[in-house]
Amino acid sequence: MFNVQDQRKNAFMLEGLLARQGYDWWWHSFTGVHHTTGQEKAFFIEYFLCNPGSGGEAPVFGQLPENKEKGIRPSYMMVKAGCWGEKPMQLHRFFGWDQVTVLPGAPFQLEADDCYADEYSLKGSVGISEEETKAHPEWMCDSGYMSWRLTIDKQVAFNVGYGTSKPLREAEAFEMYWHAEGMKSQFTGTVICNGEVYDILPERSYGYADKNWGRDFTSPWVWLSSNCLKSRITGKMLEDSVFDIGGGRPKIYFKELENKLLGAFWYEGEEFEYNFSKFLHQNGTRFHCEETEDEIHWHVTQENENSVMDTKVRCKKKDMLLVNYEAPDGSKKHTRLWNGGNGVGVIRLYNKTRHGLELLDEIEATHIGCEYGAYQE
């Protein structure tokens, strides 16, 4: 079973060795409706924590030339917020660790100035001028303004497991660990984006909430998820469904595993899971991602002993961002990490029978959160 919420895995993880070379982030994405025009817009908000053990009064930026030369690692809490679609943007606000309060244990809670996050709510603001963006390339962001006050109802989880019940032990084994406490979530509240007000309505938010933590990032980096799904067979919306795919090349105790994606489909209350760590279930994955002139394409085929999920997604590059992170060691290896929230696609879900594959459903997916990137050689 994967739909098992576990707030311990959503807790602050940067202890021990990870305190000095580790990151921990809480990611949230959702759709809003313009208060006046009714037009939809997709948003994201992330709270990214890096190397608290070497922090102090001010944030430390790994991309500053003088810090690169001296081998000084980054240390800060970064609030990342922005939008996809027309005029996509990513905004970054940084805090030194002396400015941050993080409560240990579960449920998690963190705060810095007016930026706050816990299991059930988010609030905060980020404002960056064009002059600041030009003067501070180490901030790795655009200019603009966004503020938010939101509540979250996390309804379906993707608990990937990995065979141990102790999250910190898992973090020591895996270079990048993933837990989706709310792969299907409903958000409620308000976002103000560059002066425009958006209502976040639970039934139209198509929300998602997960977290990652570890020592470094994966390459390739793949993520696909949506809970705005419609059956082509019945013509009806799938109100109790969500899919989630992520991974690429996980590293376990410094050993790389090629072409390993984790996948889950909660299909109207029935579980379909494709998890390479659950060896007894004959899991297998094939995937291909490509960048064309105008779009990013994903094709993922996953199977286990009982079923097959075939997923094809595309997203227009003009609606996406090249999302920016620096790793805890101060490097910035991902320079073309495409990130979007307006993907569209088709999922075909099959049961395996003694006579072959039997189509269970063919599903149209929209409002797909999507990501793809690989280190540039």
Protein backbone atom coordinates (compact mmCIF):
# COMPACT_ATOMS: atom_id res chain seq x y z
CA MET A 1 0.00 0.00 0.00
CA PHE A 2 1.28 3.47 -0.84
CA ASN A 3 -1.60 5.68 0.33
CA VAL A 4 -0.26 5.89 3.87
CA GLN A 5 0.27 9.38 5.25
CA ASP A 6 3.27 9.68 7.56
CA GLN A 7 3.98 13.10 9.00
CA ARG A 8 7.31 11.84 10.36
CA LYS A 9 8.58 11.81 6.78
CA ASN A 10 7.41 15.40 6.40
CA ALA A 11 9.42 16.50 9.43
CA PHE A 12 12.68 18.50 9.37
CA MET A 13 15.49 16.11 8.37
CA LEU A 14 18.72 18.13 8.47
CA GLU A 15 20.40 16.49 11.42
CA GLY A 16 23.72 14.70 11.79
CA LEU A 17 25.76 14.67 8.58
CA LEU A 18 22.92 16.29 6.64
CA ALA A 19 23.18 19.42 8.80
CA ARG A 20 26.39 20.40 7.03
CA GLN A 21 25.76 18.89 3.62
CA GLY A 22 22.07 18.45 3.14
CA TYR A 23 18.87 20.00 1.83
CA ASP A 24 15.24 19.61 2.82
CA TRP A 25 12.31 21.12 0.94
CA TRP A 26 8.53 21.25 1.07
CA TRP A 27 6.97 21.75 -2.37
CA HIS A 28 3.40 22.87 -3.10
CA SER A 29 1.72 23.45 -6.47
CA PHE A 30 -1.88 24.32 -7.30
CA THR A 31 -4.17 26.27 -9.61
CA GLY A 32 -5.90 29.59 -8.88
CA VAL A 33 -8.75 31.48 -10.54
CA HIS A 34 -8.41 35.20 -11.31
CA HIS A 35 -10.78 37.09 -9.03
CA THR A 36 -12.17 39.24 -11.86
CA THR A 37 -11.71 37.40 -15.15
CA GLY A 38 -12.00 33.79 -13.95
CA GLN A 39 -8.88 32.82 -15.87
CA GLU A 40 -6.85 29.96 -14.37
CA LYS A 41 -3.20 30.25 -13.40
CA ALA A 42 -0.87 27.62 -11.95
CA PHE A 43 1.33 28.50 -8.94
CA PHE A 44 4.07 26.93 -6.85
CA ILE A 45 5.46 27.65 -3.38
CA GLU A 46 8.47 25.93 -1.88
CA TYR A 47 10.37 26.22 1.38
CA PHE A 48 13.96 25.06 0.72
CA LEU A 49 16.42 24.55 3.60
CA CYS A 50 20.15 24.07 3.06
CA ASN A 51 23.10 23.32 5.36
CA PRO A 52 21.82 24.69 8.70
CA GLY A 53 24.92 23.44 10.52
CA SER A 54 27.10 26.10 8.88
CA GLY A 55 24.56 28.93 9.03
CA GLY A 56 24.49 32.20 10.87
CA GLU A 57 22.96 35.66 10.82
CA ALA A 58 22.97 36.11 7.03
CA PRO A 59 22.34 33.72 4.15
CA VAL A 60 25.44 32.26 2.50
CA PHE A 61 25.32 31.93 -1.30
CA GLY A 62 27.29 29.18 -3.00
CA GLN A 63 27.17 30.90 -6.40
CA LEU A 64 29.11 33.99 -5.32
CA PRO A 65 32.51 33.88 -7.08
CA GLU A 66 34.41 34.51 -3.84
CA ASN A 67 32.58 31.65 -2.12
CA LYS A 68 33.19 29.32 -5.05
CA GLU A 69 36.90 30.16 -4.94
CA LYS A 70 37.10 29.43 -1.21
CA GLY A 71 34.88 26.33 -1.34
CA ILE A 72 32.29 27.89 0.97
CA ARG A 73 29.02 25.99 0.86
CA PRO A 74 25.57 27.63 0.74
CA SER A 75 23.55 27.94 3.93
CA TYR A 76 20.07 29.45 4.17
CA MET A 77 16.35 28.99 4.07
CA MET A 78 15.04 29.91 0.62
CA VAL A 79 11.39 30.64 -0.07
CA LYS A 80 10.72 29.92 -3.74
CA ALA A 81 7.42 31.11 -5.22
CA GLY A 82 6.11 31.73 -8.68
CA CYS A 83 3.79 30.79 -11.51
CA TRP A 84 3.61 28.99 -14.84
CA GLY A 85 1.80 29.81 -18.06
CA GLU A 86 1.78 33.34 -19.47
CA LYS A 87 4.81 35.22 -18.11
CA PRO A 88 6.16 32.41 -15.90
CA MET A 89 8.42 33.47 -13.05
CA GLN A 90 10.39 32.14 -10.08
CA LEU A 91 11.13 34.37 -7.11
CA HIS A 92 13.60 33.60 -4.32
CA ARG A 93 13.76 35.08 -0.83
CA PHE A 94 16.64 34.08 1.46
CA PHE A 95 17.00 33.99 5.24
CA GLY A 96 20.05 33.34 7.41
CA TRP A 97 19.59 30.53 9.88
CA ASP A 98 19.51 32.89 12.85
CA GLN A 99 16.28 34.27 11.34
CA VAL A 100 14.61 30.85 11.00
CA THR A 101 12.58 28.87 13.51
CA VAL A 102 12.09 25.17 12.76
CA LEU A 103 10.30 22.89 15.19
CA PRO A 104 11.65 19.32 15.38
CA GLY A 105 9.40 16.33 15.03
CA ALA A 106 5.97 15.94 13.46
CA PRO A 107 3.93 17.73 12.36
CA PHE A 108 6.55 20.07 10.91
CA GLN A 109 6.49 23.83 11.40
CA LEU A 110 8.87 26.50 10.14
CA GLU A 111 8.86 30.28 10.15
CA ALA A 112 11.00 33.23 9.06
CA ASP A 113 9.57 36.76 9.24
CA ASP A 114 6.15 36.61 7.51
CA CYS A 115 6.89 33.30 5.74
CA TYR A 116 5.35 30.29 7.48
CA ALA A 117 4.58 26.66 6.64
CA ASP A 118 3.16 23.63 8.38
CA GLU A 119 1.14 20.56 7.39
CA TYR A 120 -2.08 22.51 7.08
CA SER A 121 -1.26 26.09 6.07
CA LEU A 122 1.09 28.37 4.16
CA LYS A 123 1.62 32.11 4.26
CA GLY A 124 4.29 34.45 3.06
CA SER A 125 5.50 36.92 0.46
CA VAL A 126 8.39 37.43 -1.94
CA GLY A 127 9.17 40.67 -3.76
CA ILE A 128 12.21 41.20 -5.99
CA SER A 129 12.87 44.33 -8.07
CA GLU A 130 14.50 44.29 -11.50
CA GLU A 131 17.43 46.21 -10.05
CA GLU A 132 17.93 43.57 -7.34
CA THR A 133 17.77 40.73 -9.86
CA LYS A 134 20.48 42.35 -12.00
CA ALA A 135 22.65 43.16 -8.98
CA HIS A 136 22.37 39.68 -7.42
CA PRO A 137 22.76 36.85 -9.95
CA GLU A 138 23.59 34.59 -7.00
CA TRP A 139 19.88 34.79 -6.08
CA MET A 140 19.14 32.81 -9.29
CA CYS A 141 15.67 34.31 -9.79
CA ASP A 142 13.40 36.69 -11.67
CA SER A 143 11.80 39.93 -10.52
CA GLY A 144 8.19 40.28 -9.39
CA TYR A 145 5.91 40.01 -6.38
CA MET A 146 3.79 37.24 -4.90
CA SER A 147 2.04 36.75 -1.55
CA TRP A 148 -0.19 33.96 -0.27
CA ARG A 149 -2.43 32.80 2.57
CA LEU A 150 -3.55 29.21 2.14
CA THR A 151 -4.87 26.16 3.93
CA ILE A 152 -4.18 22.61 2.73
CA ASP A 153 -6.21 19.42 2.90
CA LYS A 154 -3.89 16.52 2.01
CA GLN A 155 -6.13 13.69 0.84
CA VAL A 156 -4.01 11.00 -0.86
CA ALA A 157 -0.36 10.16 -0.14
CA PHE A 158 2.40 8.46 -2.07
CA ASN A 159 4.53 6.87 0.63
CA VAL A 160 7.33 5.24 -1.34
CA GLY A 161 8.52 3.11 1.58
CA TYR A 162 11.97 1.72 0.73
CA GLY A 163 11.57 -0.94 3.37
CA THR A 164 12.41 0.95 6.57
CA SER A 165 10.28 2.89 9.01
CA LYS A 166 12.99 5.34 10.08
CA PRO A 167 13.14 8.38 7.76
CA LEU A 168 16.58 9.56 8.86
CA ARG A 169 18.04 6.14 8.18
CA GLU A 170 16.49 6.25 4.71
CA ALA A 171 18.03 9.69 4.14
CA GLU A 172 21.48 8.32 4.96
CA ALA A 173 21.04 5.56 2.38
CA PHE A 174 19.51 7.57 -0.47
CA GLU A 175 21.19 10.63 -1.93
CA MET A 176 17.76 12.09 -2.74
CA TYR A 177 14.69 10.89 -0.86
CA TRP A 178 11.06 11.59 -1.83
CA HIS A 179 7.79 11.56 0.10
CA ALA A 180 4.46 12.88 -1.20
CA GLU A 181 2.27 13.41 1.86
CA GLY A 182 -0.36 15.11 -0.30
CA MET A 183 -0.03 14.01 -3.92
CA LYS A 184 -3.75 14.82 -4.06
CA SER A 185 -4.44 17.96 -2.04
CA GLN A 186 -7.03 20.71 -1.96
CA PHE A 187 -5.83 24.27 -1.37
CA THR A 188 -8.02 27.14 -0.18
CA GLY A 189 -7.14 30.81 0.10
CA THR A 190 -5.74 33.76 -1.84
CA VAL A 191 -2.66 34.50 -3.94
CA ILE A 192 -1.66 37.99 -5.08
CA CYS A 193 0.69 37.81 -8.08
CA ASN A 194 2.11 41.04 -9.53
CA GLY A 195 -0.93 42.99 -8.36
CA GLU A 196 -3.53 40.47 -9.59
CA VAL A 197 -5.73 38.63 -7.06
CA TYR A 198 -6.39 34.90 -7.50
CA ASP A 199 -8.92 32.87 -5.55
CA ILE A 200 -7.73 29.38 -4.66
CA LEU A 201 -10.82 27.20 -4.65
CA PRO A 202 -10.50 23.66 -3.26
CA GLU A 203 -12.47 21.93 -6.01
CA ARG A 204 -10.44 23.72 -8.73
CA SER A 205 -7.03 23.84 -7.07
CA TYR A 206 -5.79 20.44 -8.35
CA GLY A 207 -3.23 20.64 -5.58
CA TYR A 208 -0.06 18.72 -4.88
CA ALA A 209 2.33 18.66 -1.88
CA ASP A 210 5.53 16.66 -1.43
CA LYS A 211 9.03 16.92 -0.03
CA ASN A 212 12.57 15.88 -0.91
CA TRP A 213 15.67 15.74 1.22
CA GLY A 214 19.20 14.42 0.93
CA ARG A 215 22.79 15.27 -0.04
CA ASP A 216 22.44 15.93 -3.78
CA PHE A 217 19.97 15.89 -6.67
CA THR A 218 19.29 13.18 -9.23
CA SER A 219 20.10 13.33 -12.95
CA PRO A 220 18.04 12.80 -14.99
CA TRP A 221 15.31 14.39 -12.91
CA VAL A 222 11.75 13.39 -13.80
CA TRP A 223 8.43 14.33 -12.19
CA LEU A 224 4.83 14.07 -13.42
CA SER A 225 1.63 14.37 -11.40
CA SER A 226 -2.02 15.40 -11.73
CA ASN A 227 -5.40 14.86 -10.12
CA CYS A 228 -7.37 16.58 -12.93
CA LEU A 229 -8.29 13.38 -14.76
CA LYS A 230 -11.11 12.40 -17.11
CA SER A 231 -11.99 8.93 -18.38
CA ARG A 232 -12.26 8.67 -22.15
CA ILE A 233 -14.31 5.51 -21.73
CA THR A 234 -17.06 6.94 -19.50
CA GLY A 235 -16.59 10.63 -20.27
CA LYS A 236 -16.66 11.37 -16.54
CA MET A 237 -14.17 13.19 -14.33
CA LEU A 238 -12.29 10.88 -11.98
CA GLU A 239 -12.97 12.65 -8.70
CA ASP A 240 -11.06 10.20 -6.48
CA SER A 241 -7.94 9.71 -8.59
CA VAL A 242 -4.36 10.98 -8.86
CA PHE A 243 -1.10 9.79 -10.40
CA ASP A 244 2.48 10.58 -9.48
CA ILE A 245 5.78 9.61 -11.14
CA GLY A 246 9.25 10.66 -10.04
CA GLY A 247 12.93 9.77 -9.95
CA GLY A 248 15.52 9.17 -12.63
CA ARG A 249 18.83 7.77 -11.42
CA PRO A 250 18.68 7.19 -7.66
CA LYS A 251 21.89 6.63 -5.76
CA ILE A 252 21.97 4.21 -2.81
CA TYR A 253 25.14 4.31 -0.70
CA PHE A 254 26.89 5.95 -3.70
CA LYS A 255 25.75 3.23 -6.15
CA GLU A 256 23.71 4.58 -9.06
CA LEU A 257 20.62 2.74 -10.30
CA GLU A 258 19.84 3.45 -13.94
CA ASN A 259 16.33 4.24 -15.23
CA LYS A 260 14.47 3.92 -11.95
CA LEU A 261 11.23 5.84 -11.64
CA LEU A 262 8.70 5.47 -8.85
CA GLY A 263 5.07 5.57 -9.92
CA ALA A 264 1.64 5.40 -8.34
CA PHE A 265 -1.92 5.72 -9.59
CA TRP A 266 -4.74 6.07 -7.10
CA TYR A 267 -7.57 5.18 -9.48
CA GLU A 268 -11.00 5.77 -7.91
CA GLY A 269 -9.81 4.25 -4.65
CA GLU A 270 -7.81 1.38 -6.20
CA GLU A 271 -4.01 1.33 -5.91
CA PHE A 272 -1.61 0.73 -8.79
CA GLU A 273 2.02 1.02 -7.68
CA TYR A 274 5.31 0.73 -9.58
CA ASN A 275 8.11 0.83 -7.02
CA PHE A 276 11.53 -0.57 -7.91
CA SER A 277 12.36 -1.14 -4.22
CA LYS A 278 9.53 -3.68 -3.85
CA PHE A 279 11.36 -6.50 -5.54
CA LEU A 280 8.71 -9.19 -5.18
CA HIS A 281 6.20 -7.38 -7.41
CA GLN A 282 8.16 -7.62 -10.69
CA ASN A 283 8.32 -3.87 -11.22
CA GLY A 284 9.83 -2.48 -14.40
CA THR A 285 10.16 0.96 -16.00
CA ARG A 286 11.00 2.35 -19.42
CA PHE A 287 11.03 6.09 -20.03
CA HIS A 288 12.06 8.58 -22.64
CA CYS A 289 12.11 12.36 -22.26
CA GLU A 290 13.04 14.83 -24.96
CA GLU A 291 13.24 18.53 -25.58
CA THR A 292 11.90 19.73 -28.93
CA GLU A 293 11.99 23.28 -30.24
CA ASP A 294 8.70 24.18 -28.53
CA GLU A 295 7.87 21.45 -26.01
CA ILE A 296 9.12 18.92 -23.47
CA HIS A 297 7.84 15.36 -23.99
CA TRP A 298 7.68 12.47 -21.53
CA HIS A 299 6.82 8.83 -22.27
CA VAL A 300 6.87 6.51 -19.27
CA THR A 301 5.82 2.85 -19.25
CA GLN A 302 5.69 1.11 -15.88
CA GLU A 303 4.54 -2.35 -14.96
CA ASN A 304 4.23 -4.79 -12.09
CA GLU A 305 2.99 -8.35 -11.85
CA ASN A 306 -0.64 -7.27 -12.27
CA SER A 307 -0.82 -4.10 -14.36
CA VAL A 308 0.77 -1.65 -16.78
CA MET A 309 0.60 2.16 -16.76
CA ASP A 310 1.57 3.95 -19.96
CA THR A 311 1.91 7.72 -19.59
CA LYS A 312 2.49 10.29 -22.34
CA VAL A 313 2.77 13.97 -21.40
CA ARG A 314 3.79 17.16 -23.17
CA CYS A 315 4.16 20.73 -22.00
CA LYS A 316 4.89 23.93 -23.92
CA LYS A 317 8.26 25.44 -23.07
CA LYS A 318 6.83 28.96 -23.18
CA ASP A 319 4.67 28.01 -20.16
CA MET A 320 7.61 26.53 -18.22
CA LEU A 321 10.64 27.67 -16.25
CA LEU A 322 14.26 26.65 -16.11
CA VAL A 323 14.07 26.18 -12.37
CA ASN A 324 17.16 27.01 -10.29
CA TYR A 325 18.75 25.27 -7.30
CA GLU A 326 22.26 24.99 -5.98
CA ALA A 327 23.29 21.74 -4.32
CA PRO A 328 24.52 21.61 -0.70
CA ASP A 329 28.12 21.28 -1.91
CA GLY A 330 27.80 24.64 -3.69
CA SER A 331 27.63 23.28 -7.23
CA LYS A 332 24.90 24.13 -9.75
CA LYS A 333 24.90 21.13 -12.07
CA HIS A 334 21.29 21.43 -13.25
CA THR A 335 21.31 24.28 -15.76
CA ARG A 336 18.37 23.06 -17.89
CA LEU A 337 15.85 21.73 -15.39
CA TRP A 338 12.50 22.35 -17.07
CA ASN A 339 9.63 22.80 -14.64
CA GLY A 340 5.95 23.36 -15.40
CA GLY A 341 2.38 23.07 -14.17
CA ASN A 342 0.36 23.10 -17.39
CA GLY A 343 1.22 19.72 -18.86
CA VAL A 344 -1.36 17.67 -20.75
CA GLY A 345 -1.34 13.99 -21.54
CA VAL A 346 -2.95 10.58 -21.79
CA ILE A 347 -2.59 7.66 -19.40
CA ARG A 348 -3.53 4.13 -20.39
CA LEU A 349 -4.04 1.77 -17.49
CA TYR A 350 -4.06 -1.97 -18.21
CA ASN A 351 -4.70 -5.10 -16.19
CA LYS A 352 -2.57 -8.14 -16.95
CA THR A 353 -4.60 -11.26 -17.69
CA ARG A 354 -3.67 -14.72 -18.92
CA HIS A 355 -4.80 -13.57 -22.36
CA GLY A 356 -2.63 -10.46 -22.35
CA LEU A 357 -3.26 -6.81 -21.53
CA GLU A 358 -6.80 -5.62 -20.88
CA LEU A 359 -7.46 -1.87 -21.03
CA LEU A 360 -8.96 -0.68 -17.76
CA ASP A 361 -9.19 2.98 -18.75
CA GLU A 362 -7.78 5.63 -21.04
CA ILE A 363 -7.50 8.88 -19.16
CA GLU A 364 -7.03 12.48 -20.24
CA ALA A 365 -4.86 14.43 -17.81
CA THR A 366 -4.49 18.22 -17.57
CA HIS A 367 -2.95 20.60 -15.01
CA ILE A 368 0.01 18.22 -14.90
CA GLY A 369 2.96 19.20 -12.74
CA CYS A 370 6.02 18.23 -14.76
CA GLU A 371 9.78 18.36 -14.59
CA TYR A 372 12.70 17.15 -16.63
CA GLY A 373 16.39 17.89 -16.69
CA ALA A 374 19.80 16.26 -16.81
CA TYR A 375 23.28 17.45 -16.02
CA GLN A 376 24.92 19.08 -19.04
CA GLU A 377 28.11 17.27 -19.94
